[in-house]
Amino acid sequence: MEYFDLEDPFTTLKQHQFDTISTIFSSESDHMPCLNYLQCLKTSDFHVSFRQEAMSLVFQAQYCCNLDPYTTYLAVTYMDRFISKQEIPVIWSCFLTLMTLKQREEGFIFDASAIQRMELLVLDALNWRMRTITPFSFICFFISLFELKDPPLIQALKDRATHIIFQAGNETNLLEFKPSTIAASALLMASHELLPLQFPSFKASILCCEFVNEEKLLICFNAVMEMVINEMDTISTSSTVTPISVLDCHCNKSETEMSEKKGIKRHKLIGFCSESKRVKMSHIQPCG
């Protein structure tokens, strides 16, 4: 499956015209959760619990109905945007409606009228912007900056970056970053793992891109690197790994990090940023 089946604005590298790319970069902020959403998740246990419950339903549907992982990622994206733009009582009403579904051996059974009501509510909240711009929309563009010639190598980078992006969808602290920033960070992480000798040149190519905010990229990359390291630590210390245990790990780890606000030891990549350009995680403005 091509990575750009998920609402990809670019179908081939040849179509990467400057005006098209510029439009996508300039409009990606319109497809993100509201700015106060992350702060609410940091300060409200109720918001954290609500998001975790909603994500659990999404992942239950994925495993029960054998949904494509891209569909699941898109569902979580819609969910975050929807929650960030609605009052909790409205969301809770929608959530209770969703809970009226019946689960049988063949999967989830929904009432058609309930689905229609929920669809209209979601569409209205998202201003009918369903062609969502996601990190997958930028993977091909950023890889084209690397000027790689080996198709298997390009595919390997795509595969690893895609896996990292799927992981990032569960991380609350990454919601503040634009899709393009997450895509660039995922590709840099993938290149550091697979092509460490070429990592400096890949990093330089992305940082030279006029659409990239260097400071935001460095912060996001550090967060992605921390996420990947934690994931590897979790897998290495887990004696039993099942789809459900992995799901629980993703949800619980993400929300626990936000609620406990623990400092986690950060591994530093040599040469990624100089000592004079160390950056800390930025803070979202308070709700209101």
Protein backbone atom coordinates (compact mmCIF):
# COMPACT_ATOMS: atom_id res chain seq x y z
CA MET A 1 0.00 0.00 0.00
CA GLU A 2 1.25 3.45 -0.87
CA TYR A 3 1.61 5.80 2.04
CA PHE A 4 -0.34 8.53 0.37
CA ASP A 5 -3.64 6.69 0.32
CA LEU A 6 -4.29 8.51 3.59
CA GLU A 7 -5.55 11.79 2.11
CA ASP A 8 -2.29 12.41 0.28
CA PRO A 9 -2.16 15.67 -1.68
CA PHE A 10 0.87 14.45 -3.65
CA THR A 11 0.50 11.33 -5.78
CA THR A 12 4.00 11.25 -7.22
CA LEU A 13 7.29 13.05 -6.76
CA LYS A 14 6.82 14.68 -10.17
CA GLN A 15 3.76 16.51 -8.90
CA HIS A 16 5.71 18.27 -6.15
CA GLN A 17 5.23 21.69 -7.68
CA PHE A 18 6.22 24.60 -5.46
CA ASP A 19 2.78 26.20 -5.38
CA THR A 20 1.12 22.92 -4.37
CA ILE A 21 3.64 22.24 -1.61
CA SER A 22 3.38 25.78 -0.31
CA THR A 23 -0.41 25.50 -0.11
CA ILE A 24 -0.26 22.25 1.85
CA PHE A 25 2.28 23.61 4.34
CA SER A 26 0.34 26.84 4.82
CA SER A 27 -2.97 25.09 5.44
CA GLU A 28 -1.85 22.22 7.71
CA SER A 29 -2.58 24.22 10.86
CA ASP A 30 -6.27 24.22 9.91
CA HIS A 31 -6.28 20.44 10.36
CA MET A 32 -4.89 20.40 13.90
CA PRO A 33 -6.63 20.40 17.30
CA CYS A 34 -7.25 23.79 18.90
CA LEU A 35 -4.29 25.34 20.70
CA ASN A 36 -5.77 24.96 24.19
CA TYR A 37 -6.33 21.21 23.78
CA LEU A 38 -2.90 20.10 24.98
CA GLN A 39 -3.06 22.39 28.00
CA CYS A 40 -6.43 20.91 28.95
CA LEU A 41 -4.95 17.42 28.70
CA LYS A 42 -2.08 18.51 30.93
CA THR A 43 -4.28 19.98 33.62
CA SER A 44 -7.49 17.95 33.54
CA ASP A 45 -7.61 14.29 34.55
CA PHE A 46 -11.12 14.12 33.14
CA HIS A 47 -9.93 15.14 29.66
CA VAL A 48 -7.13 12.58 29.89
CA SER A 49 -9.51 9.80 30.92
CA PHE A 50 -12.04 10.78 28.28
CA ARG A 51 -9.45 10.71 25.49
CA GLN A 52 -8.13 7.38 26.71
CA GLU A 53 -11.62 5.84 26.69
CA ALA A 54 -12.30 7.17 23.19
CA MET A 55 -8.98 5.83 21.90
CA SER A 56 -9.73 2.44 23.46
CA LEU A 57 -12.95 2.25 21.44
CA VAL A 58 -11.11 3.16 18.26
CA PHE A 59 -8.51 0.45 18.79
CA GLN A 60 -11.16 -2.09 19.77
CA ALA A 61 -12.83 -1.42 16.43
CA GLN A 62 -9.49 -1.82 14.66
CA TYR A 63 -8.83 -5.27 16.09
CA CYS A 64 -12.45 -6.42 15.99
CA CYS A 65 -13.19 -5.25 12.45
CA ASN A 66 -9.66 -5.70 11.07
CA LEU A 67 -9.42 -2.04 10.09
CA ASP A 68 -6.50 -0.68 8.12
CA PRO A 69 -4.02 1.08 10.47
CA TYR A 70 -4.27 4.22 8.35
CA THR A 71 -8.02 4.28 8.97
CA THR A 72 -7.40 3.99 12.69
CA TYR A 73 -4.84 6.81 12.60
CA LEU A 74 -7.27 9.02 10.72
CA ALA A 75 -10.01 8.22 13.23
CA VAL A 76 -7.79 9.32 16.13
CA THR A 77 -6.93 12.50 14.21
CA TYR A 78 -10.61 13.30 13.73
CA MET A 79 -11.25 12.46 17.38
CA ASP A 80 -8.64 14.92 18.67
CA ARG A 81 -9.88 17.70 16.41
CA PHE A 82 -13.48 17.03 17.42
CA ILE A 83 -12.82 16.95 21.17
CA SER A 84 -10.77 20.15 20.98
CA LYS A 85 -13.66 22.05 19.39
CA GLN A 86 -16.60 20.84 21.49
CA GLU A 87 -17.78 21.35 25.03
CA ILE A 88 -17.46 18.21 27.12
CA PRO A 89 -21.27 17.84 27.63
CA VAL A 90 -21.73 17.68 23.85
CA ILE A 91 -18.89 15.20 23.47
CA TRP A 92 -20.20 13.10 26.32
CA SER A 93 -23.64 12.93 24.70
CA CYS A 94 -22.02 11.70 21.49
CA PHE A 95 -19.93 9.25 23.46
CA LEU A 96 -22.99 7.85 25.25
CA THR A 97 -24.70 7.45 21.91
CA LEU A 98 -21.69 5.53 20.66
CA MET A 99 -21.83 3.29 23.73
CA THR A 100 -25.33 2.13 22.73
CA LEU A 101 -23.78 -0.01 20.01
CA LYS A 102 -24.00 -3.76 20.43
CA GLN A 103 -20.93 -5.93 20.08
CA ARG A 104 -21.50 -9.43 18.73
CA GLU A 105 -19.27 -12.20 17.48
CA GLU A 106 -19.25 -10.74 13.98
CA GLY A 107 -18.19 -7.31 15.24
CA PHE A 108 -19.78 -3.97 16.09
CA ILE A 109 -23.40 -3.35 15.18
CA PHE A 110 -24.41 0.32 14.89
CA ASP A 111 -27.83 1.87 14.64
CA ALA A 112 -28.04 3.71 11.31
CA SER A 113 -29.82 6.77 12.69
CA ALA A 114 -27.29 7.07 15.51
CA ILE A 115 -24.44 6.94 13.01
CA GLN A 116 -26.03 9.68 10.92
CA ARG A 117 -26.49 11.95 13.93
CA MET A 118 -22.90 11.43 15.04
CA GLU A 119 -21.56 11.97 11.52
CA LEU A 120 -23.36 15.29 11.18
CA LEU A 121 -22.16 16.40 14.60
CA VAL A 122 -18.56 15.55 13.75
CA LEU A 123 -18.72 17.09 10.26
CA ASP A 124 -20.09 20.33 11.66
CA ALA A 125 -17.41 20.50 14.37
CA LEU A 126 -14.64 19.89 11.82
CA ASN A 127 -16.08 22.46 9.39
CA TRP A 128 -16.44 19.62 6.87
CA ARG A 129 -12.65 19.45 6.51
CA MET A 130 -12.45 15.69 6.09
CA ARG A 131 -9.54 15.67 3.65
CA THR A 132 -7.17 15.82 6.58
CA ILE A 133 -3.54 16.79 6.21
CA THR A 134 -1.48 14.27 8.20
CA PRO A 135 2.25 13.53 8.58
CA PHE A 136 1.88 10.98 5.77
CA SER A 137 1.15 13.87 3.40
CA PHE A 138 4.77 15.06 3.73
CA ILE A 139 6.79 11.83 3.76
CA CYS A 140 7.37 11.69 0.01
CA PHE A 141 8.31 15.36 -0.16
CA PHE A 142 10.91 15.13 2.61
CA ILE A 143 12.40 11.92 1.22
CA SER A 144 12.83 13.66 -2.13
CA LEU A 145 15.17 16.10 -0.37
CA PHE A 146 17.50 13.20 0.49
CA GLU A 147 18.15 12.45 -3.21
CA LEU A 148 18.29 8.70 -2.62
CA LYS A 149 18.53 6.44 -5.68
CA ASP A 150 17.96 3.00 -4.17
CA PRO A 151 14.21 2.09 -4.19
CA PRO A 152 14.52 -0.62 -1.48
CA LEU A 153 16.31 1.88 0.75
CA ILE A 154 13.64 4.50 0.16
CA GLN A 155 10.96 1.94 0.99
CA ALA A 156 12.76 0.94 4.18
CA LEU A 157 12.86 4.57 5.33
CA LYS A 158 9.16 4.96 4.52
CA ASP A 159 8.26 1.81 6.41
CA ARG A 160 10.18 2.79 9.53
CA ALA A 161 8.98 6.40 9.45
CA THR A 162 5.41 5.18 9.02
CA HIS A 163 5.69 2.95 12.07
CA ILE A 164 7.03 5.88 14.10
CA ILE A 165 4.16 8.10 12.95
CA PHE A 166 1.64 5.47 14.01
CA GLN A 167 3.30 5.45 17.44
CA ALA A 168 3.20 9.24 17.58
CA GLY A 169 -0.56 9.20 17.13
CA ASN A 170 -0.87 7.86 20.69
CA GLU A 171 1.40 10.49 22.25
CA THR A 172 -0.40 13.41 23.85
CA ASN A 173 2.72 15.57 24.02
CA LEU A 174 3.11 15.46 20.23
CA LEU A 175 -0.30 16.99 19.53
CA GLU A 176 1.18 20.49 19.58
CA PHE A 177 3.36 19.87 16.52
CA LYS A 178 2.32 20.35 12.92
CA PRO A 179 1.96 17.22 10.75
CA SER A 180 4.95 18.25 8.63
CA THR A 181 7.13 18.59 11.73
CA ILE A 182 6.14 15.12 12.93
CA ALA A 183 6.83 13.69 9.47
CA ALA A 184 10.28 15.27 9.32
CA SER A 185 11.11 14.08 12.84
CA ALA A 186 9.97 10.53 12.05
CA LEU A 187 12.11 10.42 8.91
CA LEU A 188 15.13 11.76 10.77
CA MET A 189 14.66 9.14 13.46
CA ALA A 190 14.33 6.42 10.82
CA SER A 191 17.44 7.62 9.01
CA HIS A 192 19.40 7.73 12.26
CA GLU A 193 18.48 4.10 12.90
CA LEU A 194 18.93 2.76 9.37
CA LEU A 195 21.53 5.08 7.84
CA PRO A 196 23.50 6.65 10.69
CA LEU A 197 26.39 7.72 8.46
CA GLN A 198 24.03 9.68 6.21
CA PHE A 199 22.02 11.16 9.05
CA PRO A 200 23.96 14.48 9.18
CA SER A 201 23.33 15.16 5.50
CA PHE A 202 19.65 14.20 5.79
CA LYS A 203 19.30 16.49 8.79
CA ALA A 204 20.93 19.35 6.90
CA SER A 205 18.64 18.84 3.90
CA ILE A 206 15.49 19.06 6.01
CA LEU A 207 16.71 22.01 8.08
CA CYS A 208 17.44 23.91 4.87
CA CYS A 209 13.83 23.52 3.72
CA GLU A 210 12.13 26.91 3.86
CA PHE A 211 8.91 25.40 5.19
CA VAL A 212 10.57 23.91 8.29
CA ASN A 213 10.85 25.70 11.62
CA GLU A 214 14.22 24.56 12.95
CA GLU A 215 13.48 25.13 16.62
CA LYS A 216 10.16 23.27 16.50
CA LEU A 217 11.77 20.44 14.56
CA LEU A 218 14.52 19.98 17.13
CA ILE A 219 12.00 19.91 19.98
CA CYS A 220 9.73 17.48 18.14
CA PHE A 221 12.65 15.24 17.17
CA ASN A 222 13.74 15.00 20.81
CA ALA A 223 10.19 14.01 21.80
CA VAL A 224 10.00 11.40 19.02
CA MET A 225 13.41 10.01 19.96
CA GLU A 226 12.30 9.73 23.59
CA MET A 227 9.13 7.95 22.48
CA VAL A 228 11.06 5.42 20.39
CA ILE A 229 13.54 4.73 23.20
CA ASN A 230 10.72 4.22 25.68
CA GLU A 231 8.99 1.89 23.23
CA MET A 232 12.11 -0.23 22.86
CA ASP A 233 12.59 -0.33 26.63
CA THR A 234 8.98 -1.42 27.10
CA ILE A 235 9.23 -4.20 24.53
CA SER A 236 12.55 -5.47 25.90
CA THR A 237 11.20 -5.70 29.46
CA SER A 238 7.84 -7.17 28.52
CA SER A 239 7.58 -10.96 28.74
CA THR A 240 4.20 -11.13 26.99
CA VAL A 241 3.33 -8.84 24.09
CA THR A 242 -0.15 -9.11 22.58
CA PRO A 243 -2.21 -6.63 20.53
CA ILE A 244 -4.20 -5.74 23.64
CA SER A 245 -1.13 -5.36 25.87
CA VAL A 246 0.52 -3.15 23.25
CA LEU A 247 -2.65 -1.04 23.09
CA ASP A 248 -2.74 -0.69 26.87
CA CYS A 249 0.94 0.21 26.87
CA HIS A 250 0.42 2.96 24.27
CA CYS A 251 -2.59 4.52 25.99
CA ASN A 252 -1.36 4.25 29.56
CA LYS A 253 2.19 5.38 28.82
CA SER A 254 1.04 8.46 26.92
CA GLU A 255 -1.46 9.61 29.52
CA THR A 256 0.78 8.76 32.49
CA GLU A 257 3.56 10.92 31.06
CA MET A 258 1.17 13.87 30.88
CA SER A 259 -0.42 13.42 34.31
CA GLU A 260 2.69 12.62 36.34
CA LYS A 261 4.96 15.05 34.47
CA LYS A 262 7.99 12.98 35.23
CA GLY A 263 11.41 13.89 33.89
CA ILE A 264 12.72 11.14 31.66
CA LYS A 265 16.36 10.75 30.83
CA ARG A 266 16.86 11.97 27.30
CA HIS A 267 19.42 10.41 25.05
CA LYS A 268 21.24 12.95 22.96
CA LEU A 269 22.26 12.43 19.35
CA ILE A 270 25.81 13.60 18.84
CA GLY A 271 25.94 16.51 16.46
CA PHE A 272 22.18 17.04 16.15
CA CYS A 273 22.24 20.36 17.96
CA SER A 274 25.07 22.34 19.42
CA GLU A 275 25.34 23.08 23.14
CA SER A 276 24.44 26.68 22.43
CA LYS A 277 21.18 25.65 20.76
CA ARG A 278 19.70 23.33 23.36
CA VAL A 279 15.94 23.70 23.39
CA LYS A 280 13.27 22.70 25.89
CA MET A 281 9.71 21.59 25.30
CA SER A 282 7.56 24.65 24.69
CA HIS A 283 4.43 25.26 26.75
CA ILE A 284 0.98 25.78 25.33
CA GLN A 285 -0.90 28.82 26.60
CA PRO A 286 -3.49 28.09 29.35
CA CYS A 287 -7.08 27.26 28.40
CA GLY A 288 -9.39 30.14 27.97
